[in-house]
Amino acid sequence: MGGFDLGIFDQAIRNYSGFRLPGSELKSTHHGFPPDFSILGDHFSPVLALLAPLYWIWDDPRVLLIAEAALFAAGVPVVRRIAENCFRSAPSPVVARAAHLACAAYALGWPLMTASRRGFHEVAFAVPLLLLLLERGMRRRYGAVLVYAGLLCCTKEDLGLVVGVYGAVLAYRSRRDGAKGRAGIATGAALFVLGPVASLVTIKWLLPMMGGTPGFYWSYGQLGPDFGAALLRVVTEPWILFGVATAPPVKITLVMWLFGTLLFLPLGSATAWCALPLVAERILSETSNHWTVLHHYDAFLWPILLTAAVEVSGRLYRRSRRSRSTSWAVRWWGPGAGFLTLVIAVPFGLFALPNPAYWTPDPHTRALREAARMIPDGASAEVDNIIAPHLTARGPVVLADTVPRGADYVLLQFGVVSFPFASVAQEQAYSGFLLKHGYRRVWERDTVLLLRREAEFPITPEVPTAGPESNPAPEGTAPGTGMSIFRG
C-alpha cells in the first residue's frame, strides 16, 4: 500500500472531514488534472463521505485501514443469515455447521486478504452492501433492497450494472411466488432499469461535471474508441467478444481461478449472473493489471460468488437428503469448496499474520521512515509512493514521478523500482536532475535520498503546468505485468 491508493483516499476523506470537496494532490498532480480536481470525477464514490467523522477522532490514514477491516467484518453476520436461509430446512446442527463454515470462508477468503494488503479502496463499502442486497432479497425485504441498491450506485459508477443484473435475477425468481411475487417482480424490474441508468448518468454526466475526463479509464480499444463504437461493433460482430475475452490466455486462467477456487459451485446459481459485468470489465480490458488476482478487484466479486456457492450448497444438501443414493461427491461438494477457500487463504496472507518477520520493517523501510520524519510539518513534499501515506496528514504531498514539482522536499529510494518509475536508473537520473536545479542532498542511507530545495525552482519545459489545457491520462502498464494471475 502507498500513495496510490491509500494516500489518495486519505487526502480525499480528510477534505470531506473539513466540509470540502474530496480533492487529492496525489491524484490530480500525477495525472495532470487541475489543482481543484475532485476524486468524484475519477470514481463516483460519495459513500466515502460517511467515513469523514472518523477523522474528527483520529486524523490519520490508518483510520481507513481500520474502517476497511470493520466494513469487511460487518459482512460476517450477513453471511451467517444467508447460510441459515439456504439451509433452513436442515436440522439445527447442520445449519450451524454450514453457517460457521460460510462465515469462515468469507472472512478468510483470498479476495478479502488481497484487498486488505493493498490498502484502502471503495470496495470496503461494496462488499457489505452487496451482501446486504442479496440477503435482503432472499428475505423479500424489498424496501431495504432499494436502499442498498442506491448506496451501491454511490459506491462506484459501474456497480449500477451489477444492480441491474440483480434486478433481472430477482424478477426471475419472484415469478415463482405467484401473487406474492408481484412486489419482487416490480422491484426487480425497477432495479433492472434504474441500475444501468444510474451508471450511464454517472459516467456520462456526473464524472465530467466533477472534473473527470471522458474516456479516462477506457481500455477497450480492441472493441472501439468509445462505448458507442464498441457497442455497435459487438452488435454487428458479436464473435469479437470471444476473441478479446480469451487473448491472452491469462484471462481464461483468471475466470477459471475465480470460479474454480469455489469448485465451480457459483455456476449453479442465478446469483452468479451478477458477477458478469465485473468479470466482463476485466477480461475485455487491455489493462493487464485487471487480469491478475493480486489487486483489490476480486473483492467486488467475492460477496456474489460466495453467496451463489452457499445457495448451491444448500440445494445439494437438500438433494442428498431426498435421495440416499446421492454420491459422496455431491454431499461434500459444498463443504469441500469452503475448506479449499480456507486452504487458499494461507499463501494469500494468512501465513503472514503470526510471522514476526512480516511485521518487522527492514533497514530500507526504516530509512524511508526516518527520512520522512525529517520533513517539517506543513512543508510541501514530493515523495516515493511507498512512504506517501506517512506524510499526507502533515502537509501537501505529491508523488515523485519524473516531473519536477518544485516541492520543498523530495524523498526518493533506489533500492527497488518504485511506482511510477520504470527503473532504478530512471530514479537516479531524476535525482541528478534535481541536484542540478536548486536542490541539495540533506540525508542519505540504505538507498534512500532526501533532498531539500535551496533555491527558487526554475520554470523549464520539464515542469508542465496543470490547467485547462492539460491532458490528463492514466499511466501505462509495465511490459509483462499481469501476464500471470500471480503477478501484480
Protein backbone atom coordinates (compact mmCIF):
# COMPACT_ATOMS: atom_id res chain seq x y z
CA MET A 1 0.00 0.00 0.00
CA GLY A 2 1.21 3.50 -0.71
CA GLY A 3 0.22 6.91 -2.03
CA PHE A 4 -1.71 5.11 -4.77
CA ASP A 5 -4.26 4.44 -3.41
CA LEU A 6 -4.22 4.80 0.39
CA GLY A 7 -2.73 8.29 0.27
CA ILE A 8 -5.29 9.43 -2.31
CA PHE A 9 -8.24 8.32 -0.21
CA ASP A 10 -6.65 9.77 2.92
CA GLN A 11 -6.34 13.21 1.31
CA ALA A 12 -9.86 12.99 -0.13
CA ILE A 13 -11.64 11.93 3.05
CA ARG A 14 -9.66 14.44 5.11
CA ASN A 15 -11.15 17.09 2.81
CA TYR A 16 -14.60 15.61 3.39
CA SER A 17 -14.00 15.91 7.13
CA GLY A 18 -13.34 19.63 6.65
CA PHE A 19 -16.58 20.00 4.61
CA ARG A 20 -14.68 20.42 1.34
CA LEU A 21 -14.85 18.53 -1.93
CA PRO A 22 -12.68 15.37 -1.84
CA GLY A 23 -9.57 16.67 -3.58
CA SER A 24 -6.27 14.79 -3.65
CA GLU A 25 -2.95 16.36 -4.65
CA LEU A 26 -1.50 12.90 -5.18
CA LYS A 27 -4.12 12.07 -7.80
CA SER A 28 -4.56 15.43 -9.53
CA THR A 29 -0.86 16.29 -9.77
CA HIS A 30 0.35 12.92 -11.00
CA HIS A 31 -2.35 12.52 -13.65
CA GLY A 32 -2.32 16.14 -14.81
CA PHE A 33 -5.71 17.25 -13.53
CA PRO A 34 -6.33 20.86 -12.48
CA PRO A 35 -5.46 21.64 -8.84
CA ASP A 36 -9.14 21.85 -7.82
CA PHE A 37 -9.91 18.39 -9.22
CA SER A 38 -12.21 16.23 -7.06
CA ILE A 39 -11.81 12.46 -6.96
CA LEU A 40 -15.58 12.30 -7.54
CA GLY A 41 -14.54 12.96 -11.14
CA ASP A 42 -12.27 9.90 -11.01
CA HIS A 43 -14.58 7.31 -9.46
CA PHE A 44 -18.02 8.30 -8.24
CA SER A 45 -17.91 7.19 -4.60
CA PRO A 46 -19.75 9.77 -2.48
CA VAL A 47 -20.45 7.00 0.05
CA LEU A 48 -16.88 7.58 1.28
CA ALA A 49 -18.09 10.78 2.94
CA LEU A 50 -19.56 8.52 5.66
CA LEU A 51 -16.01 7.98 6.92
CA ALA A 52 -15.32 11.70 7.40
CA PRO A 53 -16.38 11.75 11.10
CA LEU A 54 -13.62 9.23 11.87
CA TYR A 55 -11.08 11.96 11.04
CA TRP A 56 -12.58 14.15 13.76
CA ILE A 57 -11.48 11.44 16.19
CA TRP A 58 -8.12 10.42 14.67
CA ASP A 59 -6.67 12.34 11.73
CA ASP A 60 -4.50 9.57 10.33
CA PRO A 61 -4.61 7.35 7.20
CA ARG A 62 -4.52 4.25 9.41
CA VAL A 63 -8.10 5.00 10.35
CA LEU A 64 -9.05 3.97 6.80
CA LEU A 65 -7.39 0.57 7.20
CA ILE A 66 -9.30 0.03 10.43
CA ALA A 67 -12.53 1.15 8.77
CA GLU A 68 -11.98 -1.22 5.84
CA ALA A 69 -11.39 -4.15 8.20
CA ALA A 70 -14.53 -3.24 10.16
CA LEU A 71 -16.63 -2.98 6.99
CA PHE A 72 -15.38 -6.36 5.76
CA ALA A 73 -16.11 -7.83 9.20
CA ALA A 74 -19.62 -6.37 9.09
CA GLY A 75 -20.35 -8.87 6.35
CA VAL A 76 -19.88 -11.88 8.65
CA PRO A 77 -23.33 -11.76 10.31
CA VAL A 78 -24.90 -11.15 6.90
CA VAL A 79 -23.19 -14.26 5.50
CA ARG A 80 -24.49 -16.18 8.54
CA ARG A 81 -28.06 -15.12 7.72
CA ILE A 82 -27.56 -16.10 4.07
CA ALA A 83 -26.32 -19.57 5.07
CA GLU A 84 -29.13 -20.05 7.57
CA ASN A 85 -31.66 -19.14 4.89
CA CYS A 86 -30.12 -21.51 2.34
CA PHE A 87 -30.08 -24.42 4.87
CA ARG A 88 -33.31 -23.52 6.65
CA SER A 89 -34.86 -26.97 6.08
CA ALA A 90 -31.85 -28.81 7.55
CA PRO A 91 -31.50 -29.92 11.19
CA SER A 92 -30.13 -27.27 13.56
CA PRO A 93 -26.63 -28.81 13.87
CA VAL A 94 -26.27 -28.85 10.08
CA VAL A 95 -27.43 -25.24 9.83
CA ALA A 96 -24.91 -24.20 12.48
CA ARG A 97 -22.03 -26.02 10.76
CA ALA A 98 -22.94 -24.56 7.36
CA ALA A 99 -23.14 -21.06 8.83
CA HIS A 100 -19.81 -21.39 10.64
CA LEU A 101 -18.03 -22.66 7.51
CA ALA A 102 -19.58 -19.99 5.28
CA CYS A 103 -18.57 -17.22 7.70
CA ALA A 104 -15.02 -18.54 7.96
CA ALA A 105 -14.72 -18.90 4.19
CA TYR A 106 -15.99 -15.34 3.70
CA ALA A 107 -13.86 -13.66 6.34
CA LEU A 108 -10.66 -15.51 5.40
CA GLY A 109 -11.35 -15.59 1.67
CA TRP A 110 -8.38 -14.80 -0.53
CA PRO A 111 -10.11 -11.79 -2.22
CA LEU A 112 -10.50 -10.01 1.11
CA MET A 113 -6.95 -10.97 2.10
CA THR A 114 -5.60 -9.45 -1.09
CA ALA A 115 -7.72 -6.30 -0.83
CA SER A 116 -6.60 -5.77 2.77
CA ARG A 117 -2.95 -6.00 1.79
CA ARG A 118 -3.46 -3.44 -0.99
CA GLY A 119 -4.58 -0.63 1.30
CA PHE A 120 -7.93 1.10 1.22
CA HIS A 121 -10.42 1.30 -1.67
CA GLU A 122 -14.12 1.91 -2.16
CA VAL A 123 -14.53 -1.88 -2.21
CA ALA A 124 -14.65 -1.61 1.59
CA PHE A 125 -18.26 -0.42 1.21
CA ALA A 126 -19.11 -2.54 -1.83
CA VAL A 127 -18.54 -5.85 -0.03
CA PRO A 128 -21.05 -5.46 2.85
CA LEU A 129 -23.54 -3.58 0.67
CA LEU A 130 -23.59 -6.36 -1.93
CA LEU A 131 -24.09 -8.95 0.81
CA LEU A 132 -26.94 -6.93 2.30
CA LEU A 133 -28.55 -6.50 -1.13
CA LEU A 134 -28.50 -10.26 -1.75
CA GLU A 135 -29.60 -11.20 1.78
CA ARG A 136 -32.50 -8.73 1.89
CA GLY A 137 -33.63 -10.03 -1.48
CA MET A 138 -33.72 -13.55 -0.08
CA ARG A 139 -35.88 -12.32 2.80
CA ARG A 140 -38.17 -10.39 0.43
CA ARG A 141 -37.42 -7.10 2.17
CA TYR A 142 -37.76 -5.06 -0.99
CA GLY A 143 -37.65 -1.62 0.62
CA ALA A 144 -34.22 -2.46 2.04
CA VAL A 145 -33.18 -3.87 -1.34
CA LEU A 146 -33.85 -0.50 -2.96
CA VAL A 147 -31.89 1.34 -0.25
CA TYR A 148 -28.82 -0.89 -0.59
CA ALA A 149 -29.02 -0.74 -4.38
CA GLY A 150 -28.95 3.06 -4.18
CA LEU A 151 -25.95 3.00 -1.85
CA LEU A 152 -24.13 0.66 -4.23
CA CYS A 153 -24.67 3.13 -7.07
CA CYS A 154 -22.99 5.73 -4.83
CA THR A 155 -20.03 3.42 -4.18
CA LYS A 156 -18.64 3.08 -7.70
CA GLU A 157 -20.03 4.04 -11.06
CA ASP A 158 -20.03 0.54 -12.56
CA LEU A 159 -21.95 -1.10 -9.70
CA GLY A 160 -25.19 0.15 -11.23
CA LEU A 161 -24.67 -2.57 -13.85
CA VAL A 162 -24.47 -5.19 -11.09
CA VAL A 163 -27.66 -3.76 -9.59
CA GLY A 164 -29.34 -4.07 -12.99
CA VAL A 165 -28.41 -7.74 -13.42
CA TYR A 166 -29.53 -8.47 -9.86
CA GLY A 167 -32.88 -6.86 -10.70
CA ALA A 168 -33.32 -9.33 -13.54
CA VAL A 169 -32.41 -12.24 -11.25
CA LEU A 170 -34.80 -11.02 -8.55
CA ALA A 171 -37.68 -10.64 -11.00
CA TYR A 172 -36.97 -14.09 -12.50
CA ARG A 173 -37.03 -15.75 -9.10
CA SER A 174 -40.09 -13.86 -7.88
CA ARG A 175 -42.25 -15.10 -10.74
CA ARG A 176 -42.46 -18.49 -8.98
CA ASP A 177 -44.22 -16.97 -5.98
CA GLY A 178 -47.47 -16.22 -7.77
CA ALA A 179 -49.39 -13.26 -6.38
CA LYS A 180 -46.89 -12.93 -3.54
CA GLY A 181 -44.12 -12.40 -6.04
CA ARG A 182 -45.53 -9.26 -7.62
CA ALA A 183 -43.58 -6.96 -5.30
CA GLY A 184 -40.40 -8.85 -6.11
CA ILE A 185 -41.06 -8.64 -9.85
CA ALA A 186 -41.75 -4.92 -9.60
CA THR A 187 -38.63 -4.31 -7.50
CA GLY A 188 -36.52 -6.39 -9.85
CA ALA A 189 -37.85 -4.58 -12.90
CA ALA A 190 -37.11 -1.21 -11.29
CA LEU A 191 -33.54 -2.25 -10.50
CA PHE A 192 -33.07 -3.72 -13.97
CA VAL A 193 -33.84 -0.32 -15.49
CA LEU A 194 -32.58 2.13 -12.87
CA GLY A 195 -29.24 0.42 -12.14
CA PRO A 196 -27.80 0.77 -15.66
CA VAL A 197 -29.38 4.23 -15.97
CA ALA A 198 -27.54 5.27 -12.79
CA SER A 199 -24.25 4.04 -14.26
CA LEU A 200 -24.91 5.81 -17.56
CA VAL A 201 -25.83 9.10 -15.90
CA THR A 202 -22.81 8.90 -13.61
CA ILE A 203 -20.29 8.10 -16.35
CA LYS A 204 -21.80 10.39 -18.99
CA TRP A 205 -22.60 13.45 -16.88
CA LEU A 206 -21.64 13.31 -13.19
CA LEU A 207 -17.97 12.33 -13.61
CA PRO A 208 -17.28 15.09 -16.19
CA MET A 209 -19.26 17.53 -14.04
CA MET A 210 -16.86 16.81 -11.16
CA GLY A 211 -13.81 17.44 -13.36
CA GLY A 212 -13.30 13.97 -14.82
CA THR A 213 -12.04 13.43 -18.35
CA PRO A 214 -14.40 11.42 -20.61
CA GLY A 215 -12.84 8.11 -21.53
CA PHE A 216 -10.06 8.43 -18.92
CA TYR A 217 -10.31 4.75 -17.99
CA TRP A 218 -11.45 3.47 -21.37
CA SER A 219 -9.27 0.41 -22.00
CA TYR A 220 -11.32 -1.40 -24.63
CA GLY A 221 -9.66 -0.15 -27.79
CA GLN A 222 -9.92 -3.61 -29.36
CA LEU A 223 -13.68 -3.14 -29.41
CA GLY A 224 -13.76 0.54 -30.33
CA PRO A 225 -12.53 4.02 -29.41
CA ASP A 226 -15.56 4.69 -27.17
CA PHE A 227 -18.63 2.95 -25.75
CA GLY A 228 -20.88 3.76 -28.69
CA ALA A 229 -18.43 2.40 -31.25
CA ALA A 230 -17.74 -0.67 -29.09
CA LEU A 231 -21.46 -1.42 -28.71
CA LEU A 232 -22.02 -1.10 -32.46
CA ARG A 233 -19.17 -3.49 -33.17
CA VAL A 234 -20.40 -6.03 -30.63
CA VAL A 235 -23.86 -5.93 -32.20
CA THR A 236 -22.55 -6.34 -35.75
CA GLU A 237 -19.63 -8.65 -34.92
CA PRO A 238 -20.58 -10.49 -31.69
CA TRP A 239 -17.80 -13.05 -32.17
CA ILE A 240 -15.26 -10.32 -31.41
CA LEU A 241 -16.13 -10.69 -27.72
CA PHE A 242 -14.81 -14.25 -27.64
CA GLY A 243 -11.52 -13.29 -29.23
CA VAL A 244 -10.92 -10.34 -26.91
CA ALA A 245 -12.02 -12.23 -23.79
CA THR A 246 -9.67 -15.16 -24.39
CA ALA A 247 -6.47 -13.42 -25.51
CA PRO A 248 -4.06 -13.55 -23.87
CA PRO A 249 -4.84 -16.92 -22.23
CA VAL A 250 -4.24 -15.49 -18.76
CA LYS A 251 -7.81 -14.14 -18.96
CA ILE A 252 -9.12 -17.70 -19.19
CA THR A 253 -6.98 -18.62 -16.21
CA LEU A 254 -8.44 -15.70 -14.27
CA VAL A 255 -12.01 -16.88 -14.85
CA MET A 256 -11.10 -20.48 -14.01
CA TRP A 257 -9.45 -19.32 -10.80
CA LEU A 258 -12.38 -17.14 -9.73
CA PHE A 259 -14.89 -19.96 -10.05
CA GLY A 260 -12.57 -22.93 -9.55
CA THR A 261 -11.49 -21.88 -6.06
CA LEU A 262 -15.14 -22.46 -5.06
CA LEU A 263 -15.23 -25.75 -7.01
CA PHE A 264 -17.44 -24.06 -9.63
CA LEU A 265 -20.41 -24.06 -7.25
CA PRO A 266 -21.43 -20.46 -8.14
CA LEU A 267 -22.22 -21.55 -11.70
CA GLY A 268 -25.25 -23.44 -10.39
CA SER A 269 -26.96 -20.30 -9.09
CA ALA A 270 -28.59 -17.44 -10.97
CA THR A 271 -26.90 -15.09 -8.48
CA ALA A 272 -23.63 -15.71 -10.34
CA TRP A 273 -25.01 -13.65 -13.25
CA CYS A 274 -24.49 -10.57 -11.07
CA ALA A 275 -20.75 -11.09 -11.45
CA LEU A 276 -20.96 -10.85 -15.25
CA PRO A 277 -20.49 -7.04 -15.58
CA LEU A 278 -17.45 -7.03 -13.28
CA VAL A 279 -15.83 -10.07 -14.91
CA ALA A 280 -16.51 -8.70 -18.40
CA GLU A 281 -14.93 -5.35 -17.48
CA ARG A 282 -11.71 -7.17 -16.67
CA ILE A 283 -11.39 -9.82 -19.36
CA LEU A 284 -12.32 -7.38 -22.14
CA SER A 285 -9.86 -4.80 -20.85
CA GLU A 286 -6.46 -4.11 -22.38
CA THR A 287 -5.04 -3.18 -18.96
CA SER A 288 -3.11 -6.21 -17.79
CA ASN A 289 -3.44 -5.26 -14.12
CA HIS A 290 -7.11 -6.23 -14.49
CA TRP A 291 -6.13 -9.82 -15.23
CA THR A 292 -4.27 -10.53 -12.01
CA VAL A 293 -5.66 -11.66 -8.66
CA LEU A 294 -3.14 -9.60 -6.73
CA HIS A 295 -5.21 -6.41 -6.55
CA HIS A 296 -8.49 -5.49 -4.88
CA TYR A 297 -10.74 -6.13 -7.89
CA ASP A 298 -11.73 -9.64 -6.81
CA ALA A 299 -13.20 -8.36 -3.55
CA PHE A 300 -16.05 -6.79 -5.56
CA LEU A 301 -16.89 -10.29 -6.80
CA TRP A 302 -16.47 -12.14 -3.53
CA PRO A 303 -19.93 -11.46 -2.00
CA ILE A 304 -21.60 -12.57 -5.23
CA LEU A 305 -19.57 -15.72 -5.76
CA LEU A 306 -19.72 -16.80 -2.12
CA THR A 307 -23.49 -16.24 -1.88
CA ALA A 308 -24.03 -18.22 -5.08
CA ALA A 309 -21.84 -21.04 -3.72
CA VAL A 310 -23.80 -21.17 -0.46
CA GLU A 311 -27.09 -21.23 -2.35
CA VAL A 312 -25.97 -24.20 -4.44
CA SER A 313 -24.54 -25.96 -1.38
CA GLY A 314 -27.93 -25.74 0.33
CA ARG A 315 -29.60 -27.14 -2.77
CA LEU A 316 -27.15 -30.05 -2.96
CA TYR A 317 -27.73 -30.82 0.71
CA ARG A 318 -31.49 -30.99 0.19
CA ARG A 319 -30.98 -33.26 -2.81
CA SER A 320 -28.78 -35.60 -0.80
CA ARG A 321 -31.45 -35.75 1.95
CA ARG A 322 -34.13 -36.73 -0.55
CA SER A 323 -32.06 -39.40 -2.26
CA ARG A 324 -29.92 -41.81 -0.26
CA SER A 325 -28.22 -42.89 -3.48
CA THR A 326 -26.62 -39.47 -3.88
CA SER A 327 -22.85 -39.84 -4.24
CA TRP A 328 -20.44 -38.69 -1.57
CA ALA A 329 -19.07 -36.13 -4.05
CA VAL A 330 -22.43 -34.31 -4.11
CA ARG A 331 -22.73 -34.38 -0.31
CA TRP A 332 -19.23 -33.00 0.21
CA TRP A 333 -19.07 -30.59 -2.72
CA GLY A 334 -20.20 -27.59 -0.68
CA PRO A 335 -18.05 -28.24 2.41
CA GLY A 336 -15.13 -29.03 0.10
CA ALA A 337 -15.40 -25.60 -1.51
CA GLY A 338 -15.37 -23.96 1.92
CA PHE A 339 -12.32 -25.89 3.08
CA LEU A 340 -10.49 -25.22 -0.20
CA THR A 341 -11.11 -21.50 0.28
CA LEU A 342 -9.56 -21.68 3.74
CA VAL A 343 -6.52 -23.54 2.39
CA ILE A 344 -6.01 -20.96 -0.37
CA ALA A 345 -6.13 -18.21 2.25
CA VAL A 346 -2.83 -19.42 3.71
CA PRO A 347 -0.49 -18.33 0.87
CA PHE A 348 -2.62 -15.24 0.20
CA GLY A 349 -1.90 -13.71 3.57
CA LEU A 350 -2.94 -15.93 6.46
CA PHE A 351 0.56 -17.32 6.87
CA ALA A 352 1.95 -13.83 7.49
CA LEU A 353 -0.24 -12.96 10.46
CA PRO A 354 1.69 -14.94 13.11
CA ASN A 355 5.08 -14.33 11.45
CA PRO A 356 7.03 -11.63 13.35
CA ALA A 357 9.32 -11.05 10.37
CA TYR A 358 6.35 -9.89 8.31
CA TRP A 359 5.62 -7.09 10.78
CA THR A 360 9.25 -6.05 11.29
CA PRO A 361 10.40 -3.31 8.88
CA ASP A 362 13.65 -3.97 7.04
CA PRO A 363 16.55 -1.44 7.14
CA HIS A 364 15.42 0.09 3.86
CA THR A 365 11.90 0.74 5.15
CA ARG A 366 13.25 2.14 8.41
CA ALA A 367 15.41 4.53 6.42
CA LEU A 368 12.36 5.75 4.48
CA ARG A 369 10.50 6.38 7.72
CA GLU A 370 13.44 8.18 9.30
CA ALA A 371 13.79 10.45 6.29
CA ALA A 372 10.06 11.18 6.34
CA ARG A 373 10.31 12.29 9.96
CA MET A 374 12.93 14.88 8.93
CA ILE A 375 10.42 16.68 6.69
CA PRO A 376 8.87 19.51 8.75
CA ASP A 377 5.12 19.67 9.27
CA GLY A 378 3.48 21.92 6.69
CA ALA A 379 6.34 21.63 4.17
CA SER A 380 5.43 20.56 0.65
CA ALA A 381 6.92 17.22 -0.30
CA GLU A 382 7.36 15.12 -3.41
CA VAL A 383 7.89 11.58 -2.21
CA ASP A 384 8.21 7.94 -3.09
CA ASN A 385 4.88 6.14 -3.43
CA ILE A 386 5.54 3.78 -0.52
CA ILE A 387 6.14 6.50 2.06
CA ALA A 388 3.45 8.95 0.89
CA PRO A 389 0.76 7.88 3.43
CA HIS A 390 3.18 8.67 6.26
CA LEU A 391 3.15 12.33 5.22
CA THR A 392 -0.34 13.10 3.91
CA ALA A 393 -1.58 14.14 7.35
CA ARG A 394 1.32 16.56 7.84
CA GLY A 395 1.31 18.76 4.74
CA PRO A 396 0.93 18.95 0.94
CA VAL A 397 2.23 15.73 -0.61
CA VAL A 398 2.55 14.72 -4.27
CA LEU A 399 4.04 11.68 -5.93
CA ALA A 400 7.62 11.60 -7.21
CA ASP A 401 7.07 10.71 -10.87
CA THR A 402 9.90 12.17 -13.05
CA VAL A 403 8.15 15.55 -13.43
CA PRO A 404 9.65 18.14 -11.04
CA ARG A 405 7.04 19.97 -8.97
CA GLY A 406 9.21 22.44 -7.08
CA ALA A 407 8.32 20.97 -3.65
CA ASP A 408 10.27 21.96 -0.53
CA TYR A 409 11.50 18.39 -0.07
CA VAL A 410 11.92 15.38 -2.33
CA LEU A 411 12.22 11.86 -0.87
CA LEU A 412 13.33 9.07 -3.22
CA GLN A 413 14.51 5.48 -2.96
CA PHE A 414 16.80 3.49 -5.25
CA GLY A 415 16.72 0.01 -3.75
CA VAL A 416 13.80 -1.18 -5.86
CA VAL A 417 11.79 0.14 -8.78
CA SER A 418 9.01 2.16 -7.21
CA PHE A 419 5.77 3.18 -8.92
CA PRO A 420 5.60 5.02 -11.30
CA PHE A 421 9.31 4.84 -12.24
CA ALA A 422 10.28 2.27 -14.86
CA SER A 423 13.76 1.52 -13.47
CA VAL A 424 16.23 2.35 -10.72
CA ALA A 425 18.32 4.17 -13.35
CA GLN A 426 15.36 6.44 -14.07
CA GLU A 427 15.03 7.24 -10.37
CA GLN A 428 18.73 8.07 -10.14
CA ALA A 429 18.58 10.22 -13.26
CA TYR A 430 15.69 12.16 -11.76
CA SER A 431 17.57 12.84 -8.53
CA GLY A 432 20.54 14.00 -10.59
CA PHE A 433 18.32 16.43 -12.47
CA LEU A 434 17.02 17.89 -9.20
CA LEU A 435 20.53 18.31 -7.77
CA LYS A 436 21.37 20.45 -10.80
CA HIS A 437 18.26 22.60 -10.42
CA GLY A 438 18.22 24.05 -6.94
CA TYR A 439 18.11 21.01 -4.65
CA ARG A 440 20.68 19.85 -2.10
CA ARG A 441 21.23 16.42 -0.61
CA VAL A 442 20.45 16.61 3.13
CA TRP A 443 20.29 12.92 4.08
CA GLU A 444 21.10 9.55 2.52
CA ARG A 445 21.07 5.99 3.85
CA ASP A 446 20.29 2.49 2.54
CA THR A 447 19.48 3.72 -0.98
CA VAL A 448 17.11 6.37 0.42
CA LEU A 449 17.77 10.01 -0.53
CA LEU A 450 16.24 13.17 0.92
CA LEU A 451 16.66 16.44 -1.00
CA ARG A 452 15.78 19.98 0.06
CA ARG A 453 15.10 22.89 -2.26
CA GLU A 454 17.68 25.62 -1.62
CA ALA A 455 16.83 27.98 -4.48
CA GLU A 456 13.83 29.06 -6.49
CA PHE A 457 12.98 26.22 -8.79
CA PRO A 458 13.40 27.32 -12.41
CA ILE A 459 10.45 27.10 -14.77
CA THR A 460 11.61 24.79 -17.55
CA PRO A 461 9.94 22.68 -20.27
CA GLU A 462 10.25 19.74 -17.84
CA VAL A 463 7.76 21.41 -15.49
CA PRO A 464 4.34 21.42 -17.19
CA THR A 465 1.53 23.43 -15.63
CA ALA A 466 -1.73 21.58 -14.98
CA GLY A 467 -4.77 23.56 -16.02
CA PRO A 468 -7.46 23.86 -18.66
CA GLU A 469 -5.02 22.94 -21.41
CA SER A 470 -3.66 19.86 -19.62
CA ASN A 471 -4.37 16.40 -21.00
CA PRO A 472 -4.98 14.03 -18.06
CA ALA A 473 -4.15 10.41 -18.77
CA PRO A 474 -3.53 7.28 -16.69
CA GLU A 475 -0.09 5.75 -16.77
CA GLY A 476 0.54 2.70 -18.91
CA THR A 477 1.20 -0.74 -17.54
CA ALA A 478 4.76 -2.02 -17.42
CA PRO A 479 5.53 -4.64 -20.09
CA GLY A 480 4.75 -8.16 -18.89
CA THR A 481 2.75 -7.03 -15.89
CA GLY A 482 -0.32 -9.16 -15.37
CA MET A 483 0.77 -11.95 -17.74
CA SER A 484 0.39 -14.30 -14.78
CA ILE A 485 -2.53 -14.16 -12.36
CA PHE A 486 0.07 -14.21 -9.61
CA ARG A 487 1.89 -11.09 -10.83
CA GLY A 488 0.73 -7.60 -9.96
